[in-house]
Amino acid sequence: MSTSIEQIIQRTMMLCASTGAKLTTKRQHVLLVLLSTPVPLSAYEIAEQYKKRFDEALPVMSVYRIMHFLIQEKLVHKLETANRFIACAHIACDHPHEIPQFLICDRCKMVQEVGIQKHIMKELADSIEHTGFTLASQQLELHGLCKNCREISS
């Protein structure tokens, strides 16, 4: 069963209220911009889409502040290698999730969020720790070609 964008916004409002956070109108609108696009967007692209959709300018610095909030609330992910943002694929789910990882198509820029079991990430972190290296983030971003782009190439 598919969840509508309106249902997702209602769910995020409830999630934020349960943590004492406030999903302001501008935060909602930025989230709507991200939910309405199949590809990750930069802060500048978000500001541009925001202006087109809501007929109101939103400074890029405001976009970054809103992104910080949405990431903290686990509603949005930042793709570090691309410096772009994407709405969480599990934003409307009620069940616990695995650690999100991202498959990024280098041709069409589509992103698929996949979960990796926590014990696998713990084993990876433990293995890294034995080298004396301190892991700053457990987010993996794997680049390649999606199924559609691979079929086009064949």
N, C-alpha and C. Protein backbone atom coordinates (compact mmCIF):
# COMPACT_ATOMS: atom_id res chain seq x y z
N MET A 1 0.84 -1.18 0.00
CA MET A 1 0.00 0.00 0.00
C MET A 1 0.88 1.25 0.00
N SER A 2 0.60 2.15 -0.89
CA SER A 2 1.39 3.36 -1.05
C SER A 2 0.93 4.43 -0.06
N THR A 3 1.89 5.18 0.45
CA THR A 3 1.59 6.25 1.38
C THR A 3 1.66 7.58 0.63
N SER A 4 0.64 8.42 0.78
CA SER A 4 0.63 9.71 0.09
C SER A 4 1.57 10.69 0.79
N ILE A 5 1.93 11.72 0.06
CA ILE A 5 2.81 12.75 0.62
C ILE A 5 2.12 13.42 1.81
N GLU A 6 0.81 13.62 1.71
CA GLU A 6 0.07 14.24 2.82
C GLU A 6 0.15 13.37 4.07
N GLN A 7 0.02 12.05 3.90
CA GLN A 7 0.12 11.13 5.03
C GLN A 7 1.53 11.17 5.63
N ILE A 8 2.53 11.28 4.78
CA ILE A 8 3.91 11.35 5.25
C ILE A 8 4.11 12.62 6.08
N ILE A 9 3.59 13.75 5.59
CA ILE A 9 3.72 15.01 6.33
C ILE A 9 3.00 14.90 7.68
N GLN A 10 1.82 14.32 7.70
CA GLN A 10 1.09 14.14 8.97
C GLN A 10 1.91 13.28 9.93
N ARG A 11 2.50 12.21 9.41
CA ARG A 11 3.32 11.31 10.24
C ARG A 11 4.54 12.04 10.78
N THR A 12 5.20 12.84 9.93
CA THR A 12 6.39 13.57 10.39
C THR A 12 6.02 14.61 11.44
N MET A 13 4.85 15.21 11.31
CA MET A 13 4.41 16.18 12.32
C MET A 13 4.22 15.48 13.67
N MET A 14 3.65 14.28 13.64
CA MET A 14 3.47 13.52 14.87
C MET A 14 4.81 13.08 15.46
N LEU A 15 5.73 12.64 14.59
CA LEU A 15 7.06 12.23 15.05
C LEU A 15 7.78 13.40 15.71
N CYS A 16 7.74 14.55 15.06
CA CYS A 16 8.41 15.73 15.62
C CYS A 16 7.76 16.14 16.94
N ALA A 17 6.44 16.14 17.00
CA ALA A 17 5.74 16.51 18.23
C ALA A 17 6.11 15.56 19.37
N SER A 18 6.32 14.28 19.05
CA SER A 18 6.66 13.30 20.09
C SER A 18 8.05 13.53 20.68
N THR A 19 8.92 14.22 19.92
CA THR A 19 10.27 14.51 20.42
C THR A 19 10.39 15.95 20.91
N GLY A 20 9.29 16.71 20.82
CA GLY A 20 9.31 18.10 21.24
C GLY A 20 9.82 19.04 20.17
N ALA A 21 10.05 18.52 18.97
CA ALA A 21 10.52 19.35 17.86
C ALA A 21 9.31 19.90 17.11
N LYS A 22 9.51 20.99 16.39
CA LYS A 22 8.41 21.60 15.66
C LYS A 22 8.68 21.56 14.17
N LEU A 23 7.76 20.97 13.43
CA LEU A 23 7.86 20.95 11.98
C LEU A 23 7.13 22.19 11.46
N THR A 24 7.87 23.29 11.36
CA THR A 24 7.30 24.56 10.92
C THR A 24 6.84 24.45 9.46
N THR A 25 6.11 25.45 9.01
CA THR A 25 5.63 25.48 7.63
C THR A 25 6.80 25.42 6.65
N LYS A 26 7.85 26.20 6.89
CA LYS A 26 9.00 26.18 5.96
C LYS A 26 9.68 24.82 5.97
N ARG A 27 9.81 24.20 7.13
CA ARG A 27 10.39 22.86 7.20
C ARG A 27 9.52 21.86 6.45
N GLN A 28 8.21 21.98 6.60
CA GLN A 28 7.29 21.12 5.86
C GLN A 28 7.47 21.31 4.36
N HIS A 29 7.55 22.56 3.94
CA HIS A 29 7.67 22.86 2.51
C HIS A 29 8.98 22.31 1.94
N VAL A 30 10.06 22.45 2.68
CA VAL A 30 11.34 21.90 2.22
C VAL A 30 11.24 20.38 2.12
N LEU A 31 10.63 19.76 3.11
CA LEU A 31 10.44 18.31 3.07
C LEU A 31 9.57 17.92 1.87
N LEU A 32 8.54 18.70 1.58
CA LEU A 32 7.70 18.44 0.41
C LEU A 32 8.51 18.51 -0.89
N VAL A 33 9.42 19.47 -0.97
CA VAL A 33 10.29 19.57 -2.15
C VAL A 33 11.09 18.28 -2.31
N LEU A 34 11.67 17.80 -1.22
CA LEU A 34 12.48 16.57 -1.29
C LEU A 34 11.62 15.34 -1.59
N LEU A 35 10.43 15.28 -1.01
CA LEU A 35 9.55 14.14 -1.25
C LEU A 35 9.02 14.11 -2.68
N SER A 36 9.04 15.26 -3.35
CA SER A 36 8.48 15.37 -4.69
C SER A 36 9.47 15.11 -5.81
N THR A 37 10.69 14.79 -5.46
CA THR A 37 11.70 14.56 -6.50
C THR A 37 12.34 13.19 -6.31
N PRO A 38 12.59 12.51 -7.41
CA PRO A 38 13.19 11.17 -7.30
C PRO A 38 14.71 11.18 -7.13
N VAL A 39 15.32 12.34 -7.28
CA VAL A 39 16.79 12.42 -7.17
C VAL A 39 17.17 13.34 -6.03
N PRO A 40 18.35 13.14 -5.43
CA PRO A 40 18.79 14.04 -4.37
C PRO A 40 19.05 15.44 -4.91
N LEU A 41 18.87 16.43 -4.04
CA LEU A 41 19.04 17.82 -4.44
C LEU A 41 20.08 18.51 -3.58
N SER A 42 20.78 19.47 -4.18
CA SER A 42 21.69 20.32 -3.43
C SER A 42 20.87 21.39 -2.71
N ALA A 43 21.48 22.10 -1.79
CA ALA A 43 20.79 23.18 -1.08
C ALA A 43 20.31 24.25 -2.06
N TYR A 44 21.12 24.53 -3.08
CA TYR A 44 20.74 25.53 -4.07
C TYR A 44 19.54 25.06 -4.89
N GLU A 45 19.52 23.78 -5.24
CA GLU A 45 18.39 23.23 -6.00
C GLU A 45 17.12 23.22 -5.15
N ILE A 46 17.27 22.94 -3.86
CA ILE A 46 16.12 22.97 -2.95
C ILE A 46 15.55 24.39 -2.90
N ALA A 47 16.43 25.39 -2.75
CA ALA A 47 15.98 26.79 -2.71
C ALA A 47 15.26 27.16 -4.01
N GLU A 48 15.79 26.70 -5.14
CA GLU A 48 15.19 26.99 -6.44
C GLU A 48 13.81 26.33 -6.57
N GLN A 49 13.72 25.06 -6.20
CA GLN A 49 12.44 24.34 -6.26
C GLN A 49 11.43 24.95 -5.28
N TYR A 50 11.89 25.35 -4.13
CA TYR A 50 11.04 25.99 -3.11
C TYR A 50 10.40 27.25 -3.70
N LYS A 51 11.22 28.08 -4.35
CA LYS A 51 10.73 29.33 -4.95
C LYS A 51 9.69 29.03 -6.02
N LYS A 52 9.95 28.05 -6.87
CA LYS A 52 9.00 27.70 -7.94
C LYS A 52 7.69 27.17 -7.37
N ARG A 53 7.79 26.33 -6.37
CA ARG A 53 6.60 25.65 -5.84
C ARG A 53 5.77 26.53 -4.91
N PHE A 54 6.42 27.35 -4.08
CA PHE A 54 5.70 28.10 -3.06
C PHE A 54 5.73 29.61 -3.30
N ASP A 55 6.35 30.04 -4.42
CA ASP A 55 6.41 31.44 -4.80
C ASP A 55 6.95 32.31 -3.67
N GLU A 56 8.00 31.79 -3.03
CA GLU A 56 8.65 32.50 -1.92
C GLU A 56 10.13 32.15 -1.94
N ALA A 57 10.96 33.17 -1.82
CA ALA A 57 12.40 32.93 -1.78
C ALA A 57 12.79 32.36 -0.42
N LEU A 58 13.69 31.40 -0.45
CA LEU A 58 14.25 30.82 0.77
C LEU A 58 15.77 30.86 0.63
N PRO A 59 16.44 31.65 1.46
CA PRO A 59 17.90 31.74 1.34
C PRO A 59 18.56 30.38 1.54
N VAL A 60 19.64 30.16 0.84
CA VAL A 60 20.35 28.88 0.92
C VAL A 60 20.80 28.59 2.35
N MET A 61 21.21 29.62 3.09
CA MET A 61 21.60 29.40 4.49
C MET A 61 20.42 28.87 5.30
N SER A 62 19.22 29.31 5.00
CA SER A 62 18.03 28.78 5.68
C SER A 62 17.81 27.33 5.29
N VAL A 63 18.06 27.01 4.04
CA VAL A 63 17.94 25.61 3.60
C VAL A 63 18.89 24.74 4.41
N TYR A 64 20.12 25.18 4.58
CA TYR A 64 21.09 24.39 5.36
C TYR A 64 20.63 24.21 6.82
N ARG A 65 20.08 25.27 7.40
CA ARG A 65 19.58 25.15 8.78
C ARG A 65 18.41 24.17 8.86
N ILE A 66 17.52 24.26 7.89
CA ILE A 66 16.37 23.34 7.85
C ILE A 66 16.85 21.91 7.61
N MET A 67 17.85 21.73 6.75
CA MET A 67 18.39 20.39 6.50
C MET A 67 18.98 19.82 7.78
N HIS A 68 19.68 20.66 8.54
CA HIS A 68 20.26 20.20 9.80
C HIS A 68 19.15 19.67 10.72
N PHE A 69 18.07 20.40 10.83
CA PHE A 69 16.94 19.97 11.66
C PHE A 69 16.36 18.64 11.13
N LEU A 70 16.09 18.58 9.82
CA LEU A 70 15.45 17.39 9.24
C LEU A 70 16.35 16.15 9.35
N ILE A 71 17.66 16.35 9.27
CA ILE A 71 18.60 15.24 9.44
C ILE A 71 18.59 14.79 10.90
N GLN A 72 18.61 15.73 11.83
CA GLN A 72 18.56 15.40 13.26
C GLN A 72 17.31 14.59 13.60
N GLU A 73 16.21 14.92 12.96
CA GLU A 73 14.94 14.24 13.21
C GLU A 73 14.81 12.94 12.40
N LYS A 74 15.87 12.60 11.65
CA LYS A 74 15.93 11.38 10.84
C LYS A 74 14.84 11.33 9.76
N LEU A 75 14.55 12.51 9.19
CA LEU A 75 13.58 12.62 8.12
C LEU A 75 14.26 12.74 6.76
N VAL A 76 15.52 13.16 6.80
CA VAL A 76 16.30 13.42 5.59
C VAL A 76 17.70 12.87 5.79
N HIS A 77 18.33 12.47 4.70
CA HIS A 77 19.72 12.03 4.73
C HIS A 77 20.56 12.96 3.86
N LYS A 78 21.80 13.17 4.27
CA LYS A 78 22.75 13.91 3.44
C LYS A 78 23.68 12.90 2.79
N LEU A 79 23.78 12.98 1.48
CA LEU A 79 24.74 12.15 0.75
C LEU A 79 26.04 12.94 0.70
N GLU A 80 26.98 12.52 1.50
CA GLU A 80 28.23 13.26 1.67
C GLU A 80 29.04 13.34 0.38
N THR A 81 29.10 12.23 -0.38
CA THR A 81 29.93 12.23 -1.58
C THR A 81 29.39 13.15 -2.66
N ALA A 82 28.08 13.40 -2.65
CA ALA A 82 27.47 14.26 -3.66
C ALA A 82 27.07 15.62 -3.10
N ASN A 83 27.16 15.80 -1.77
CA ASN A 83 26.72 17.02 -1.10
C ASN A 83 25.29 17.36 -1.49
N ARG A 84 24.42 16.36 -1.39
CA ARG A 84 23.01 16.51 -1.73
C ARG A 84 22.15 15.86 -0.65
N PHE A 85 20.87 16.16 -0.70
CA PHE A 85 19.95 15.70 0.33
C PHE A 85 18.82 14.89 -0.29
N ILE A 86 18.32 13.92 0.48
CA ILE A 86 17.23 13.07 0.03
C ILE A 86 16.35 12.72 1.23
N ALA A 87 15.04 12.68 0.99
CA ALA A 87 14.12 12.29 2.06
C ALA A 87 14.35 10.83 2.41
N CYS A 88 14.21 10.51 3.68
CA CYS A 88 14.37 9.13 4.13
C CYS A 88 13.31 8.26 3.47
N ALA A 89 13.72 7.12 2.96
CA ALA A 89 12.80 6.20 2.29
C ALA A 89 11.84 5.54 3.27
N HIS A 90 12.17 5.58 4.55
CA HIS A 90 11.36 4.91 5.58
C HIS A 90 10.67 5.93 6.49
N ILE A 91 10.43 7.10 5.98
CA ILE A 91 9.92 8.21 6.77
C ILE A 91 8.55 7.91 7.38
N ALA A 92 7.73 7.10 6.71
CA ALA A 92 6.37 6.85 7.18
C ALA A 92 6.21 5.49 7.86
N CYS A 93 7.30 4.78 8.08
CA CYS A 93 7.22 3.44 8.68
C CYS A 93 7.12 3.52 10.20
N ASP A 94 6.47 2.53 10.78
CA ASP A 94 6.33 2.46 12.23
C ASP A 94 7.29 1.48 12.88
N HIS A 95 8.03 0.73 12.10
CA HIS A 95 8.90 -0.31 12.66
C HIS A 95 10.36 0.14 12.66
N PRO A 96 11.19 -0.49 13.51
CA PRO A 96 12.62 -0.12 13.55
C PRO A 96 13.31 -0.47 12.22
N HIS A 97 14.34 0.28 11.92
CA HIS A 97 15.05 0.06 10.65
C HIS A 97 16.50 -0.28 10.87
N GLU A 98 17.06 -0.86 9.82
CA GLU A 98 18.49 -1.14 9.82
C GLU A 98 19.22 0.16 9.54
N ILE A 99 20.53 0.09 9.53
CA ILE A 99 21.34 1.30 9.29
C ILE A 99 21.27 1.63 7.79
N PRO A 100 20.84 2.87 7.45
CA PRO A 100 20.66 3.20 6.03
C PRO A 100 21.99 3.35 5.30
N GLN A 101 22.00 2.80 4.11
CA GLN A 101 23.13 2.92 3.19
C GLN A 101 22.54 3.30 1.83
N PHE A 102 23.37 3.80 0.93
CA PHE A 102 22.83 4.36 -0.29
C PHE A 102 23.53 3.82 -1.53
N LEU A 103 22.71 3.39 -2.50
CA LEU A 103 23.20 2.96 -3.81
C LEU A 103 22.92 4.12 -4.76
N ILE A 104 23.97 4.73 -5.29
CA ILE A 104 23.84 5.94 -6.09
C ILE A 104 24.21 5.63 -7.54
N CYS A 105 23.26 5.88 -8.45
CA CYS A 105 23.54 5.67 -9.87
C CYS A 105 24.31 6.88 -10.40
N ASP A 106 25.48 6.62 -10.95
CA ASP A 106 26.33 7.70 -11.45
C ASP A 106 25.81 8.29 -12.76
N ARG A 107 24.89 7.60 -13.43
CA ARG A 107 24.36 8.11 -14.69
C ARG A 107 23.09 8.93 -14.48
N CYS A 108 22.05 8.35 -13.88
CA CYS A 108 20.77 9.05 -13.76
C CYS A 108 20.58 9.75 -12.41
N LYS A 109 21.51 9.53 -11.49
CA LYS A 109 21.52 10.16 -10.15
C LYS A 109 20.45 9.63 -9.20
N MET A 110 19.72 8.60 -9.59
CA MET A 110 18.74 7.99 -8.69
C MET A 110 19.48 7.38 -7.49
N VAL A 111 18.81 7.38 -6.35
CA VAL A 111 19.39 6.84 -5.13
C VAL A 111 18.43 5.83 -4.55
N GLN A 112 18.96 4.69 -4.18
CA GLN A 112 18.16 3.67 -3.50
C GLN A 112 18.71 3.53 -2.09
N GLU A 113 17.82 3.67 -1.12
CA GLU A 113 18.22 3.51 0.28
C GLU A 113 18.01 2.04 0.65
N VAL A 114 19.07 1.44 1.16
CA VAL A 114 19.00 0.04 1.61
C VAL A 114 19.49 -0.02 3.05
N GLY A 115 19.01 -1.00 3.77
CA GLY A 115 19.44 -1.15 5.15
C GLY A 115 20.46 -2.25 5.30
N ILE A 116 21.42 -2.01 6.16
CA ILE A 116 22.40 -3.03 6.51
C ILE A 116 22.18 -3.38 7.97
N GLN A 117 22.15 -4.65 8.25
CA GLN A 117 21.90 -5.09 9.61
C GLN A 117 22.95 -4.52 10.56
N LYS A 118 22.49 -4.19 11.76
CA LYS A 118 23.36 -3.53 12.74
C LYS A 118 24.57 -4.38 13.11
N HIS A 119 24.40 -5.69 13.16
CA HIS A 119 25.54 -6.55 13.54
C HIS A 119 26.63 -6.52 12.47
N ILE A 120 26.25 -6.35 11.21
CA ILE A 120 27.25 -6.26 10.14
C ILE A 120 28.04 -4.95 10.28
N MET A 121 27.34 -3.86 10.54
CA MET A 121 28.01 -2.57 10.71
C MET A 121 28.88 -2.59 11.96
N LYS A 122 28.45 -3.28 13.02
CA LYS A 122 29.27 -3.38 14.23
C LYS A 122 30.54 -4.16 13.93
N GLU A 123 30.43 -5.26 13.18
CA GLU A 123 31.62 -6.03 12.81
C GLU A 123 32.58 -5.18 11.99
N LEU A 124 32.04 -4.39 11.06
CA LEU A 124 32.87 -3.51 10.24
C LEU A 124 33.55 -2.47 11.12
N ALA A 125 32.80 -1.84 12.03
CA ALA A 125 33.37 -0.83 12.93
C ALA A 125 34.44 -1.44 13.82
N ASP A 126 34.18 -2.66 14.34
CA ASP A 126 35.18 -3.34 15.19
C ASP A 126 36.45 -3.63 14.40
N SER A 127 36.28 -4.08 13.17
CA SER A 127 37.42 -4.38 12.31
C SER A 127 38.24 -3.12 12.05
N ILE A 128 37.56 -2.02 11.80
CA ILE A 128 38.24 -0.75 11.54
C ILE A 128 38.94 -0.27 12.81
N GLU A 129 38.29 -0.43 13.95
CA GLU A 129 38.85 0.03 15.21
C GLU A 129 40.18 -0.67 15.51
N HIS A 130 40.32 -1.93 15.12
CA HIS A 130 41.56 -2.68 15.36
C HIS A 130 42.75 -2.10 14.60
N THR A 131 42.48 -1.28 13.59
CA THR A 131 43.56 -0.65 12.84
C THR A 131 44.05 0.63 13.52
N GLY A 132 43.29 1.07 14.55
CA GLY A 132 43.63 2.32 15.21
C GLY A 132 42.91 3.51 14.59
N PHE A 133 42.10 3.25 13.58
CA PHE A 133 41.35 4.30 12.88
C PHE A 133 40.03 4.53 13.61
N THR A 134 39.63 5.78 13.77
CA THR A 134 38.35 6.10 14.39
C THR A 134 37.35 6.43 13.31
N LEU A 135 36.27 5.69 13.27
CA LEU A 135 35.22 5.87 12.27
C LEU A 135 34.34 7.05 12.67
N ALA A 136 34.20 8.03 11.79
CA ALA A 136 33.38 9.22 12.06
C ALA A 136 31.93 9.00 11.66
N SER A 137 31.68 8.15 10.68
CA SER A 137 30.33 7.91 10.18
C SER A 137 30.22 6.49 9.68
N GLN A 138 29.07 5.89 9.90
CA GLN A 138 28.85 4.53 9.40
C GLN A 138 28.06 4.53 8.10
N GLN A 139 27.84 5.69 7.52
CA GLN A 139 27.06 5.77 6.29
C GLN A 139 27.92 5.35 5.10
N LEU A 140 27.41 4.39 4.34
CA LEU A 140 28.08 3.96 3.13
C LEU A 140 27.34 4.52 1.93
N GLU A 141 28.08 5.00 0.95
CA GLU A 141 27.50 5.49 -0.30
C GLU A 141 28.21 4.75 -1.41
N LEU A 142 27.49 3.83 -2.02
CA LEU A 142 28.06 2.98 -3.05
C LEU A 142 27.63 3.49 -4.42
N HIS A 143 28.59 3.77 -5.28
CA HIS A 143 28.32 4.32 -6.61
C HIS A 143 28.40 3.23 -7.67
N GLY A 144 27.56 3.35 -8.67
CA GLY A 144 27.53 2.41 -9.78
C GLY A 144 26.43 2.77 -10.75
N LEU A 145 25.86 1.75 -11.39
CA LEU A 145 24.75 1.97 -12.32
C LEU A 145 23.52 1.22 -11.84
N CYS A 146 22.36 1.88 -11.88
CA CYS A 146 21.12 1.23 -11.50
C CYS A 146 20.71 0.24 -12.60
N LYS A 147 19.73 -0.54 -12.31
CA LYS A 147 19.26 -1.57 -13.26
C LYS A 147 18.85 -0.94 -14.60
N ASN A 148 18.09 0.16 -14.54
CA ASN A 148 17.63 0.80 -15.79
C ASN A 148 18.81 1.30 -16.63
N CYS A 149 19.75 1.97 -16.02
CA CYS A 149 20.90 2.48 -16.77
C CYS A 149 21.78 1.36 -17.29
N ARG A 150 21.89 0.29 -16.52
CA ARG A 150 22.68 -0.87 -16.96
C ARG A 150 22.02 -1.50 -18.18
N GLU A 151 20.67 -1.60 -18.19
CA GLU A 151 19.96 -2.17 -19.33
C GLU A 151 20.08 -1.29 -20.56
N ILE A 152 20.07 0.02 -20.38
CA ILE A 152 20.24 0.95 -21.50
C ILE A 152 21.62 0.79 -22.12
N SER A 153 22.63 0.52 -21.28
CA SER A 153 24.01 0.37 -21.75
C SER A 153 24.22 -0.94 -22.52
N SER A 154 23.37 -1.93 -22.27
CA SER A 154 23.55 -3.24 -22.90
C SER A 154 23.17 -3.27 -24.35
